[in-house]
């Protein structure tokens, strides 16, 4: 399993089956496409690979609103590898890529860069300068450049298609049941615990902090607010807690998204450790308070509500 930042060197190239897309969330629609990719790669003796862009193209253009992110980078890589992908190519999206025509992209990236022999995309795939080309243009170019193309059909859950857009809407509303139906598993965020301001400890609620958005990115998470959660990575069993995901408007004016999780009835040093936070239920949206005293009272109320949701005794704090 290898993750590349950009294209591989000539010595690292290997005949590949390639799926192209953003794969935010790696939902069941993505999983179906990737299962087809892995099967095709196995049948043809190719390496199952994914080509994605980091940052997302809409984050690159300053006049466009960035698409809210479902997955942390850590989660996306893990989910792709879990689907059987052996190589992940994260192409930096830049001015050069933005101006590249469809045929140039196919020649430089897919053929010469990745040695693609089999390529799959979704029905709604767009590429090339100005998103001028679509999936059937890729199919035509594949015939010219001697690689097979498979256009993966859309997957439906109920009467609506499974999509990252629909998944973002469910998460923004705190509908974790709907999100789980589209993901095929509970919604989580993973990352390494980083140092914060230790304000939570001062207020009596120490937190494990994860940065869900890369530093300097214009992106934002698909959800924000306060949640009842369960945390894995601190021991053999999940730990219950309450988490705040947001910009912390009461204590900071910096645009820095942070997932802060207070773990109930647990003490320890988790800095640098990878943890996973599983979202159970939304308690409230993010709010700016008048000061630390009001913030502390709100945290206490949030903790009581989270304990109730998670079936814990109310006096455990």
C-alpha atoms as a PDB file:
ATOM      1  CA  UNK A   1       0.000   0.000   0.000  1.00  0.00           C
ATOM      2  CA  UNK A   2       1.471   3.343  -1.070  1.00  0.00           C
ATOM      3  CA  UNK A   3       0.269   6.945  -0.894  1.00  0.00           C
ATOM      4  CA  UNK A   4       1.902   9.319  -3.392  1.00  0.00           C
ATOM      5  CA  UNK A   5       1.863  13.104  -3.306  1.00  0.00           C
ATOM      6  CA  UNK A   6       1.535  13.651  -7.044  1.00  0.00           C
ATOM      7  CA  UNK A   7       2.533  11.222  -9.775  1.00  0.00           C
ATOM      8  CA  UNK A   8       5.021   8.387  -9.283  1.00  0.00           C
ATOM      9  CA  UNK A   9       8.537   8.556 -10.682  1.00  0.00           C
ATOM     10  CA  UNK A  10       9.200   6.565 -13.886  1.00  0.00           C
ATOM     11  CA  UNK A  11      10.777   3.774 -11.823  1.00  0.00           C
ATOM     12  CA  UNK A  12       7.674   3.572  -9.614  1.00  0.00           C
ATOM     13  CA  UNK A  13       5.158   3.326 -12.460  1.00  0.00           C
ATOM     14  CA  UNK A  14       3.292   0.072 -12.833  1.00  0.00           C
ATOM     15  CA  UNK A  15       0.361  -0.950 -15.068  1.00  0.00           C
ATOM     16  CA  UNK A  16      -2.708   0.168 -13.150  1.00  0.00           C
ATOM     17  CA  UNK A  17      -6.469   0.175 -12.925  1.00  0.00           C
ATOM     18  CA  UNK A  18      -7.382   3.714 -11.848  1.00  0.00           C
ATOM     19  CA  UNK A  19     -10.484   5.262 -10.287  1.00  0.00           C
ATOM     20  CA  UNK A  20     -10.662   9.061 -10.541  1.00  0.00           C
ATOM     21  CA  UNK A  21     -12.630  11.179  -8.090  1.00  0.00           C
ATOM     22  CA  UNK A  22     -12.648  13.148  -4.873  1.00  0.00           C
ATOM     23  CA  UNK A  23     -14.081  10.221  -2.831  1.00  0.00           C
ATOM     24  CA  UNK A  24     -15.056  12.455   0.091  1.00  0.00           C
ATOM     25  CA  UNK A  25     -16.683  10.193   2.670  1.00  0.00           C
ATOM     26  CA  UNK A  26     -16.022   7.024   0.623  1.00  0.00           C
ATOM     27  CA  UNK A  27     -19.775   6.331   0.757  1.00  0.00           C
ATOM     28  CA  UNK A  28     -21.544   3.216  -0.546  1.00  0.00           C
ATOM     29  CA  UNK A  29     -21.655   4.643  -4.073  1.00  0.00           C
ATOM     30  CA  UNK A  30     -17.888   5.064  -4.002  1.00  0.00           C
ATOM     31  CA  UNK A  31     -17.513   1.611  -2.456  1.00  0.00           C
ATOM     32  CA  UNK A  32     -19.455   0.006  -5.328  1.00  0.00           C
ATOM     33  CA  UNK A  33     -17.257   1.772  -7.880  1.00  0.00           C
ATOM     34  CA  UNK A  34     -14.085   0.728  -6.041  1.00  0.00           C
ATOM     35  CA  UNK A  35     -15.256  -2.889  -5.745  1.00  0.00           C
ATOM     36  CA  UNK A  36     -15.621  -2.954  -9.531  1.00  0.00           C
ATOM     37  CA  UNK A  37     -12.154  -1.461  -9.859  1.00  0.00           C
ATOM     38  CA  UNK A  38     -10.551  -4.075  -7.593  1.00  0.00           C
ATOM     39  CA  UNK A  39     -12.279  -6.916  -9.476  1.00  0.00           C
ATOM     40  CA  UNK A  40     -11.170  -5.542 -12.858  1.00  0.00           C
ATOM     41  CA  UNK A  41      -7.606  -5.076 -11.609  1.00  0.00           C
ATOM     42  CA  UNK A  42      -7.470  -8.640 -10.298  1.00  0.00           C
ATOM     43  CA  UNK A  43      -8.777 -10.068 -13.586  1.00  0.00           C
ATOM     44  CA  UNK A  44      -6.217  -8.111 -15.642  1.00  0.00           C
ATOM     45  CA  UNK A  45      -3.187  -8.326 -13.356  1.00  0.00           C
ATOM     46  CA  UNK A  46      -3.214  -4.573 -12.655  1.00  0.00           C
ATOM     47  CA  UNK A  47      -2.667  -2.559  -9.472  1.00  0.00           C
ATOM     48  CA  UNK A  48      -5.942  -1.075  -8.109  1.00  0.00           C
ATOM     49  CA  UNK A  49      -5.295   2.665  -7.705  1.00  0.00           C
ATOM     50  CA  UNK A  50      -7.116   5.908  -6.945  1.00  0.00           C
ATOM     51  CA  UNK A  51      -6.345   9.351  -8.368  1.00  0.00           C
ATOM     52  CA  UNK A  52      -7.732  12.190  -6.259  1.00  0.00           C
ATOM     53  CA  UNK A  53      -6.991  15.885  -5.780  1.00  0.00           C
ATOM     54  CA  UNK A  54      -5.766  17.669  -2.659  1.00  0.00           C
ATOM     55  CA  UNK A  55      -6.897  20.358  -2.161  1.00  0.00           C
ATOM     56  CA  UNK A  56     -10.363  19.947  -3.660  1.00  0.00           C
ATOM     57  CA  UNK A  57     -10.590  22.054  -6.855  1.00  0.00           C
ATOM     58  CA  UNK A  58     -13.206  24.365  -5.298  1.00  0.00           C
ATOM     59  CA  UNK A  59     -10.770  25.154  -2.478  1.00  0.00           C
ATOM     60  CA  UNK A  60      -8.209  26.327  -5.032  1.00  0.00           C
ATOM     61  CA  UNK A  61     -10.362  28.974  -6.729  1.00  0.00           C
ATOM     62  CA  UNK A  62     -10.815  31.963  -4.345  1.00  0.00           C
ATOM     63  CA  UNK A  63     -14.079  33.074  -5.990  1.00  0.00           C
ATOM     64  CA  UNK A  64     -15.777  29.734  -5.247  1.00  0.00           C
ATOM     65  CA  UNK A  65     -17.180  28.547  -1.922  1.00  0.00           C
ATOM     66  CA  UNK A  66     -15.255  25.450  -0.795  1.00  0.00           C
ATOM     67  CA  UNK A  67     -17.161  22.179  -0.586  1.00  0.00           C
ATOM     68  CA  UNK A  68     -17.569  21.166   3.092  1.00  0.00           C
ATOM     69  CA  UNK A  69     -15.388  18.149   3.862  1.00  0.00           C
ATOM     70  CA  UNK A  70     -16.944  14.902   5.062  1.00  0.00           C
ATOM     71  CA  UNK A  71     -13.690  13.067   5.756  1.00  0.00           C
ATOM     72  CA  UNK A  72     -10.434  14.020   7.346  1.00  0.00           C
ATOM     73  CA  UNK A  73      -7.509  13.151   5.090  1.00  0.00           C
ATOM     74  CA  UNK A  74      -6.631  10.355   7.529  1.00  0.00           C
ATOM     75  CA  UNK A  75     -10.126   8.864   7.277  1.00  0.00           C
ATOM     76  CA  UNK A  76     -10.265   9.061   3.490  1.00  0.00           C
ATOM     77  CA  UNK A  77      -6.953   7.249   3.069  1.00  0.00           C
ATOM     78  CA  UNK A  78      -7.955   4.558   5.571  1.00  0.00           C
ATOM     79  CA  UNK A  79     -11.331   3.950   3.906  1.00  0.00           C
ATOM     80  CA  UNK A  80      -9.766   3.735   0.448  1.00  0.00           C
ATOM     81  CA  UNK A  81      -7.202   1.206   1.656  1.00  0.00           C
ATOM     82  CA  UNK A  82      -9.982  -0.766   3.372  1.00  0.00           C
ATOM     83  CA  UNK A  83     -11.681  -1.023  -0.045  1.00  0.00           C
ATOM     84  CA  UNK A  84      -8.654  -2.849  -1.445  1.00  0.00           C
ATOM     85  CA  UNK A  85      -6.893   0.106  -3.059  1.00  0.00           C
ATOM     86  CA  UNK A  86      -3.130  -0.437  -3.181  1.00  0.00           C
ATOM     87  CA  UNK A  87      -1.994   2.939  -4.501  1.00  0.00           C
ATOM     88  CA  UNK A  88      -3.420   6.407  -3.798  1.00  0.00           C
ATOM     89  CA  UNK A  89      -2.204   9.345  -5.885  1.00  0.00           C
ATOM     90  CA  UNK A  90      -2.996  12.740  -4.331  1.00  0.00           C
ATOM     91  CA  UNK A  91      -2.508  15.286  -7.090  1.00  0.00           C
ATOM     92  CA  UNK A  92      -1.998  18.877  -5.902  1.00  0.00           C
ATOM     93  CA  UNK A  93      -4.681  20.918  -7.672  1.00  0.00           C
ATOM     94  CA  UNK A  94      -3.054  24.065  -9.072  1.00  0.00           C
ATOM     95  CA  UNK A  95      -3.261  26.582 -11.911  1.00  0.00           C
ATOM     96  CA  UNK A  96      -1.509  24.212 -14.311  1.00  0.00           C
ATOM     97  CA  UNK A  97      -4.006  21.407 -13.699  1.00  0.00           C
ATOM     98  CA  UNK A  98      -6.928  23.859 -13.835  1.00  0.00           C
ATOM     99  CA  UNK A  99      -5.935  24.999 -17.347  1.00  0.00           C
ATOM    100  CA  UNK A 100      -5.095  21.559 -18.698  1.00  0.00           C
ATOM    101  CA  UNK A 101      -7.391  20.327 -21.445  1.00  0.00           C
ATOM    102  CA  UNK A 102      -9.056  16.925 -21.275  1.00  0.00           C
ATOM    103  CA  UNK A 103      -6.817  15.262 -23.861  1.00  0.00           C
ATOM    104  CA  UNK A 104      -3.656  16.676 -22.287  1.00  0.00           C
ATOM    105  CA  UNK A 105      -4.780  15.414 -18.874  1.00  0.00           C
ATOM    106  CA  UNK A 106      -5.375  11.934 -20.256  1.00  0.00           C
ATOM    107  CA  UNK A 107      -2.000  11.859 -22.021  1.00  0.00           C
ATOM    108  CA  UNK A 108       0.143  13.399 -19.278  1.00  0.00           C
ATOM    109  CA  UNK A 109      -1.529  11.989 -16.177  1.00  0.00           C
ATOM    110  CA  UNK A 110      -3.344   8.758 -17.023  1.00  0.00           C
ATOM    111  CA  UNK A 111      -1.203   7.361 -19.839  1.00  0.00           C
ATOM    112  CA  UNK A 112       2.322   8.695 -19.255  1.00  0.00           C
ATOM    113  CA  UNK A 113       2.006   9.384 -15.521  1.00  0.00           C
ATOM    114  CA  UNK A 114       0.125   6.347 -14.211  1.00  0.00           C
ATOM    115  CA  UNK A 115       0.350   3.771 -17.019  1.00  0.00           C
ATOM    116  CA  UNK A 116      -3.427   3.360 -16.717  1.00  0.00           C
ATOM    117  CA  UNK A 117      -4.809   0.332 -18.574  1.00  0.00           C
ATOM    118  CA  UNK A 118      -8.333   0.437 -17.078  1.00  0.00           C
ATOM    119  CA  UNK A 119     -10.062   3.592 -15.801  1.00  0.00           C
ATOM    120  CA  UNK A 120     -13.348   4.053 -13.959  1.00  0.00           C
ATOM    121  CA  UNK A 121     -15.355   7.172 -13.070  1.00  0.00           C
ATOM    122  CA  UNK A 122     -18.896   7.961 -11.979  1.00  0.00           C
ATOM    123  CA  UNK A 123     -21.628   9.031 -14.393  1.00  0.00           C
ATOM    124  CA  UNK A 124     -21.357  12.652 -13.249  1.00  0.00           C
ATOM    125  CA  UNK A 125     -17.559  12.886 -13.664  1.00  0.00           C
ATOM    126  CA  UNK A 126     -16.235  16.121 -15.218  1.00  0.00           C
ATOM    127  CA  UNK A 127     -12.649  16.983 -16.109  1.00  0.00           C
ATOM    128  CA  UNK A 128     -10.455  19.234 -18.209  1.00  0.00           C
ATOM    129  CA  UNK A 129     -10.274  23.026 -18.309  1.00  0.00           C
ATOM    130  CA  UNK A 130     -13.598  24.524 -17.217  1.00  0.00           C
ATOM    131  CA  UNK A 131     -14.925  20.999 -16.523  1.00  0.00           C
ATOM    132  CA  UNK A 132     -15.702  20.883 -20.240  1.00  0.00           C
ATOM    133  CA  UNK A 133     -15.354  17.101 -20.672  1.00  0.00           C
ATOM    134  CA  UNK A 134     -17.394  14.287 -19.166  1.00  0.00           C
ATOM    135  CA  UNK A 135     -17.363  10.545 -18.657  1.00  0.00           C
ATOM    136  CA  UNK A 136     -18.168   9.709 -22.273  1.00  0.00           C
ATOM    137  CA  UNK A 137     -15.340  11.976 -23.477  1.00  0.00           C
ATOM    138  CA  UNK A 138     -13.027   9.941 -21.250  1.00  0.00           C
ATOM    139  CA  UNK A 139     -14.419   6.770 -22.831  1.00  0.00           C
ATOM    140  CA  UNK A 140     -13.631   8.124 -26.311  1.00  0.00           C
ATOM    141  CA  UNK A 141     -10.114   9.177 -25.298  1.00  0.00           C
ATOM    142  CA  UNK A 142      -9.571   5.770 -23.727  1.00  0.00           C
ATOM    143  CA  UNK A 143     -10.153   4.095 -27.082  1.00  0.00           C
ATOM    144  CA  UNK A 144      -7.626   6.440 -28.690  1.00  0.00           C
ATOM    145  CA  UNK A 145      -5.024   5.769 -25.988  1.00  0.00           C
ATOM    146  CA  UNK A 146      -5.726   2.043 -25.613  1.00  0.00           C
ATOM    147  CA  UNK A 147      -7.151   1.845 -22.091  1.00  0.00           C
ATOM    148  CA  UNK A 148     -10.539   0.478 -21.075  1.00  0.00           C
ATOM    149  CA  UNK A 149     -13.109   2.785 -19.482  1.00  0.00           C
ATOM    150  CA  UNK A 150     -15.946   1.803 -17.166  1.00  0.00           C
ATOM    151  CA  UNK A 151     -18.585   4.382 -16.241  1.00  0.00           C
ATOM    152  CA  UNK A 152     -19.987   3.356 -12.864  1.00  0.00           C
ATOM    153  CA  UNK A 153     -23.779   3.782 -12.543  1.00  0.00           C
ATOM    154  CA  UNK A 154     -25.240   5.868  -9.740  1.00  0.00           C
ATOM    155  CA  UNK A 155     -26.289   4.061  -6.556  1.00  0.00           C
ATOM    156  CA  UNK A 156     -29.647   4.866  -4.940  1.00  0.00           C
ATOM    157  CA  UNK A 157     -30.756   4.693  -1.307  1.00  0.00           C
ATOM    158  CA  UNK A 158     -34.526   4.983  -1.273  1.00  0.00           C
ATOM    159  CA  UNK A 159     -35.584   7.255  -4.129  1.00  0.00           C
ATOM    160  CA  UNK A 160     -32.513   9.516  -4.049  1.00  0.00           C
ATOM    161  CA  UNK A 161     -29.013   8.814  -5.290  1.00  0.00           C
ATOM    162  CA  UNK A 162     -26.222   8.234  -2.809  1.00  0.00           C
ATOM    163  CA  UNK A 163     -23.894  11.214  -3.145  1.00  0.00           C
ATOM    164  CA  UNK A 164     -21.426  13.262  -1.153  1.00  0.00           C
ATOM    165  CA  UNK A 165     -23.828  16.212  -1.472  1.00  0.00           C
ATOM    166  CA  UNK A 166     -26.646  14.257   0.156  1.00  0.00           C
ATOM    167  CA  UNK A 167     -24.272  12.939   2.815  1.00  0.00           C
ATOM    168  CA  UNK A 168     -23.100  16.475   3.651  1.00  0.00           C
ATOM    169  CA  UNK A 169     -26.714  17.578   4.058  1.00  0.00           C
ATOM    170  CA  UNK A 170     -27.429  14.723   6.484  1.00  0.00           C
ATOM    171  CA  UNK A 171     -24.354  15.532   8.558  1.00  0.00           C
ATOM    172  CA  UNK A 172     -25.102  19.256   8.679  1.00  0.00           C
ATOM    173  CA  UNK A 173     -28.541  18.399  10.102  1.00  0.00           C
ATOM    174  CA  UNK A 174     -27.102  15.938  12.633  1.00  0.00           C
ATOM    175  CA  UNK A 175     -28.895  13.023  10.958  1.00  0.00           C
ATOM    176  CA  UNK A 176     -26.354  10.320  11.747  1.00  0.00           C
ATOM    177  CA  UNK A 177     -28.800   7.510  10.931  1.00  0.00           C
ATOM    178  CA  UNK A 178     -29.164   8.758   7.348  1.00  0.00           C
ATOM    179  CA  UNK A 179     -25.401   9.288   7.144  1.00  0.00           C
ATOM    180  CA  UNK A 180     -24.727   5.741   8.336  1.00  0.00           C
ATOM    181  CA  UNK A 181     -27.090   4.331   5.698  1.00  0.00           C
ATOM    182  CA  UNK A 182     -25.070   6.064   2.970  1.00  0.00           C
ATOM    183  CA  UNK A 183     -21.656   5.323   4.472  1.00  0.00           C
ATOM    184  CA  UNK A 184     -22.291   1.699   5.390  1.00  0.00           C
ATOM    185  CA  UNK A 185     -20.817   2.382   8.838  1.00  0.00           C
ATOM    186  CA  UNK A 186     -21.138   4.970  11.648  1.00  0.00           C
ATOM    187  CA  UNK A 187     -19.777   8.448  10.959  1.00  0.00           C
ATOM    188  CA  UNK A 188     -16.360   9.046  12.523  1.00  0.00           C
ATOM    189  CA  UNK A 189     -13.438  11.465  12.466  1.00  0.00           C
ATOM    190  CA  UNK A 190      -9.894  10.243  13.023  1.00  0.00           C
ATOM    191  CA  UNK A 191      -6.571  11.942  13.575  1.00  0.00           C
ATOM    192  CA  UNK A 192      -3.624  12.356  15.891  1.00  0.00           C
ATOM    193  CA  UNK A 193      -4.178  14.226  19.128  1.00  0.00           C
ATOM    194  CA  UNK A 194      -2.550  17.671  19.001  1.00  0.00           C
ATOM    195  CA  UNK A 195      -1.834  20.315  21.621  1.00  0.00           C
ATOM    196  CA  UNK A 196      -4.452  23.002  22.162  1.00  0.00           C
ATOM    197  CA  UNK A 197      -4.639  25.998  24.504  1.00  0.00           C
ATOM    198  CA  UNK A 198      -5.367  23.776  27.552  1.00  0.00           C
ATOM    199  CA  UNK A 199      -8.429  25.969  28.143  1.00  0.00           C
ATOM    200  CA  UNK A 200     -10.661  22.931  28.628  1.00  0.00           C
ATOM    201  CA  UNK A 201      -8.405  21.711  31.414  1.00  0.00           C
ATOM    202  CA  UNK A 202      -8.620  25.144  33.058  1.00  0.00           C
ATOM    203  CA  UNK A 203     -12.424  24.981  32.897  1.00  0.00           C
ATOM    204  CA  UNK A 204     -12.485  21.463  34.358  1.00  0.00           C
ATOM    205  CA  UNK A 205     -13.089  19.643  31.064  1.00  0.00           C
ATOM    206  CA  UNK A 206      -9.750  18.595  29.493  1.00  0.00           C
ATOM    207  CA  UNK A 207     -10.041  17.685  25.822  1.00  0.00           C
ATOM    208  CA  UNK A 208      -8.389  15.585  23.148  1.00  0.00           C
ATOM    209  CA  UNK A 209      -7.908  17.843  20.124  1.00  0.00           C
ATOM    210  CA  UNK A 210      -7.925  16.830  16.444  1.00  0.00           C
ATOM    211  CA  UNK A 211      -7.513  19.173  13.463  1.00  0.00           C
ATOM    212  CA  UNK A 212     -10.147  18.011  10.930  1.00  0.00           C
ATOM    213  CA  UNK A 213      -9.018  20.478   8.231  1.00  0.00           C
ATOM    214  CA  UNK A 214      -5.412  20.833   6.946  1.00  0.00           C
ATOM    215  CA  UNK A 215      -3.619  24.022   8.086  1.00  0.00           C
ATOM    216  CA  UNK A 216      -4.124  26.933   5.707  1.00  0.00           C
ATOM    217  CA  UNK A 217      -7.078  25.320   3.942  1.00  0.00           C
ATOM    218  CA  UNK A 218     -10.180  27.336   3.033  1.00  0.00           C
ATOM    219  CA  UNK A 219     -12.335  24.270   3.674  1.00  0.00           C
ATOM    220  CA  UNK A 220     -14.676  23.579   6.557  1.00  0.00           C
ATOM    221  CA  UNK A 221     -16.148  20.351   7.935  1.00  0.00           C
ATOM    222  CA  UNK A 222     -19.592  19.207   6.822  1.00  0.00           C
ATOM    223  CA  UNK A 223     -20.893  19.574  10.390  1.00  0.00           C
ATOM    224  CA  UNK A 224     -20.358  21.792  13.420  1.00  0.00           C
ATOM    225  CA  UNK A 225     -21.698  21.956  16.949  1.00  0.00           C
ATOM    226  CA  UNK A 226     -21.655  19.876  20.121  1.00  0.00           C
ATOM    227  CA  UNK A 227     -22.162  16.105  20.069  1.00  0.00           C
ATOM    228  CA  UNK A 228     -22.402  13.015  22.245  1.00  0.00           C
ATOM    229  CA  UNK A 229     -19.572  10.770  21.032  1.00  0.00           C
ATOM    230  CA  UNK A 230     -17.593   7.600  21.631  1.00  0.00           C
ATOM    231  CA  UNK A 231     -13.800   7.523  21.318  1.00  0.00           C
ATOM    232  CA  UNK A 232     -11.563   4.613  20.338  1.00  0.00           C
ATOM    233  CA  UNK A 233      -7.781   4.457  20.491  1.00  0.00           C
ATOM    234  CA  UNK A 234      -7.390   5.121  24.215  1.00  0.00           C
ATOM    235  CA  UNK A 235      -7.623   1.502  25.315  1.00  0.00           C
ATOM    236  CA  UNK A 236      -9.289  -1.809  24.510  1.00  0.00           C
ATOM    237  CA  UNK A 237     -12.830  -0.375  24.700  1.00  0.00           C
ATOM    238  CA  UNK A 238     -14.559   2.746  23.385  1.00  0.00           C
ATOM    239  CA  UNK A 239     -14.815   5.648  25.823  1.00  0.00           C
ATOM    240  CA  UNK A 240     -17.857   7.933  26.072  1.00  0.00           C
ATOM    241  CA  UNK A 241     -17.525  11.677  25.771  1.00  0.00           C
ATOM    242  CA  UNK A 242     -18.824  15.031  24.600  1.00  0.00           C
ATOM    243  CA  UNK A 243     -17.236  16.814  21.624  1.00  0.00           C
ATOM    244  CA  UNK A 244     -17.282  20.307  20.186  1.00  0.00           C
ATOM    245  CA  UNK A 245     -16.480  20.767  16.499  1.00  0.00           C
ATOM    246  CA  UNK A 246     -16.065  24.338  15.331  1.00  0.00           C
ATOM    247  CA  UNK A 247     -14.080  27.572  15.308  1.00  0.00           C
ATOM    248  CA  UNK A 248     -14.356  28.244  19.071  1.00  0.00           C
ATOM    249  CA  UNK A 249     -15.750  31.794  18.622  1.00  0.00           C
ATOM    250  CA  UNK A 250     -15.849  32.521  22.370  1.00  0.00           C
ATOM    251  CA  UNK A 251     -12.095  32.107  22.859  1.00  0.00           C
ATOM    252  CA  UNK A 252     -10.503  32.603  19.421  1.00  0.00           C
ATOM    253  CA  UNK A 253     -10.836  34.850  16.378  1.00  0.00           C
ATOM    254  CA  UNK A 254      -8.540  32.660  14.274  1.00  0.00           C
ATOM    255  CA  UNK A 255     -10.098  30.572  11.514  1.00  0.00           C
ATOM    256  CA  UNK A 256      -8.932  27.211  12.809  1.00  0.00           C
ATOM    257  CA  UNK A 257     -11.334  24.292  12.911  1.00  0.00           C
ATOM    258  CA  UNK A 258     -10.873  21.992  15.882  1.00  0.00           C
ATOM    259  CA  UNK A 259     -12.576  18.855  17.166  1.00  0.00           C
ATOM    260  CA  UNK A 260     -12.301  19.010  20.970  1.00  0.00           C
ATOM    261  CA  UNK A 261     -13.439  15.899  22.840  1.00  0.00           C
ATOM    262  CA  UNK A 262     -13.820  15.593  26.596  1.00  0.00           C
ATOM    263  CA  UNK A 263     -13.686  11.905  27.526  1.00  0.00           C
ATOM    264  CA  UNK A 264     -15.777  11.002  30.561  1.00  0.00           C
ATOM    265  CA  UNK A 265     -14.158   9.238  33.516  1.00  0.00           C
ATOM    266  CA  UNK A 266     -10.769   8.982  31.786  1.00  0.00           C
ATOM    267  CA  UNK A 267      -7.379  10.459  32.636  1.00  0.00           C
ATOM    268  CA  UNK A 268      -4.214  10.091  30.649  1.00  0.00           C
ATOM    269  CA  UNK A 269      -1.822  11.624  28.135  1.00  0.00           C
ATOM    270  CA  UNK A 270      -2.915  11.031  24.551  1.00  0.00           C
ATOM    271  CA  UNK A 271      -0.778  13.610  22.711  1.00  0.00           C
ATOM    272  CA  UNK A 272       0.429  12.232  19.399  1.00  0.00           C
ATOM    273  CA  UNK A 273      -1.808   9.172  19.557  1.00  0.00           C
ATOM    274  CA  UNK A 274      -4.237   8.334  16.743  1.00  0.00           C
ATOM    275  CA  UNK A 275      -7.840   8.329  17.946  1.00  0.00           C
ATOM    276  CA  UNK A 276     -11.233   7.936  16.291  1.00  0.00           C
ATOM    277  CA  UNK A 277     -14.309   9.878  17.391  1.00  0.00           C
ATOM    278  CA  UNK A 278     -17.686   8.265  16.598  1.00  0.00           C
ATOM    279  CA  UNK A 279     -20.606  10.699  16.472  1.00  0.00           C
ATOM    280  CA  UNK A 280     -23.740   9.483  18.266  1.00  0.00           C
ATOM    281  CA  UNK A 281     -26.126  12.443  18.536  1.00  0.00           C
ATOM    282  CA  UNK A 282     -26.080  16.197  18.023  1.00  0.00           C
ATOM    283  CA  UNK A 283     -26.740  18.230  21.180  1.00  0.00           C
ATOM    284  CA  UNK A 284     -26.698  21.787  19.815  1.00  0.00           C
ATOM    285  CA  UNK A 285     -25.093  24.072  17.267  1.00  0.00           C
ATOM    286  CA  UNK A 286     -21.965  26.134  17.844  1.00  0.00           C
ATOM    287  CA  UNK A 287     -22.559  29.334  19.809  1.00  0.00           C
ATOM    288  CA  UNK A 288     -20.525  32.360  20.894  1.00  0.00           C
ATOM    289  CA  UNK A 289     -20.832  33.044  24.623  1.00  0.00           C
ATOM    290  CA  UNK A 290     -20.330  36.305  26.514  1.00  0.00           C
ATOM    291  CA  UNK A 291     -17.365  34.973  28.464  1.00  0.00           C
ATOM    292  CA  UNK A 292     -15.662  31.993  30.072  1.00  0.00           C
ATOM    293  CA  UNK A 293     -18.180  31.703  32.906  1.00  0.00           C
ATOM    294  CA  UNK A 294     -21.093  31.322  30.500  1.00  0.00           C
ATOM    295  CA  UNK A 295     -19.017  28.947  28.354  1.00  0.00           C
ATOM    296  CA  UNK A 296     -18.187  26.781  31.377  1.00  0.00           C
ATOM    297  CA  UNK A 297     -21.876  26.553  32.324  1.00  0.00           C
ATOM    298  CA  UNK A 298     -22.755  25.535  28.754  1.00  0.00           C
ATOM    299  CA  UNK A 299     -20.048  22.849  28.719  1.00  0.00           C
ATOM    300  CA  UNK A 300     -21.401  21.451  31.994  1.00  0.00           C
ATOM    301  CA  UNK A 301     -24.916  21.312  30.528  1.00  0.00           C
ATOM    302  CA  UNK A 302     -23.599  19.695  27.335  1.00  0.00           C
ATOM    303  CA  UNK A 303     -21.721  17.083  29.379  1.00  0.00           C
ATOM    304  CA  UNK A 304     -24.841  16.253  31.396  1.00  0.00           C
ATOM    305  CA  UNK A 305     -26.888  15.879  28.214  1.00  0.00           C
ATOM    306  CA  UNK A 306     -24.223  13.714  26.566  1.00  0.00           C
ATOM    307  CA  UNK A 307     -24.070  11.419  29.593  1.00  0.00           C
ATOM    308  CA  UNK A 308     -27.848  11.066  29.422  1.00  0.00           C
ATOM    309  CA  UNK A 309     -27.756  10.225  25.704  1.00  0.00           C
ATOM    310  CA  UNK A 310     -24.991   7.665  26.261  1.00  0.00           C
ATOM    311  CA  UNK A 311     -26.728   6.033  29.221  1.00  0.00           C
ATOM    312  CA  UNK A 312     -24.165   7.054  31.830  1.00  0.00           C
ATOM    313  CA  UNK A 313     -24.765   7.995  35.447  1.00  0.00           C
ATOM    314  CA  UNK A 314     -25.257  11.772  35.774  1.00  0.00           C
ATOM    315  CA  UNK A 315     -22.823  12.174  38.662  1.00  0.00           C
ATOM    316  CA  UNK A 316     -19.765  10.647  37.047  1.00  0.00           C
ATOM    317  CA  UNK A 317     -17.937  13.892  36.361  1.00  0.00           C
END
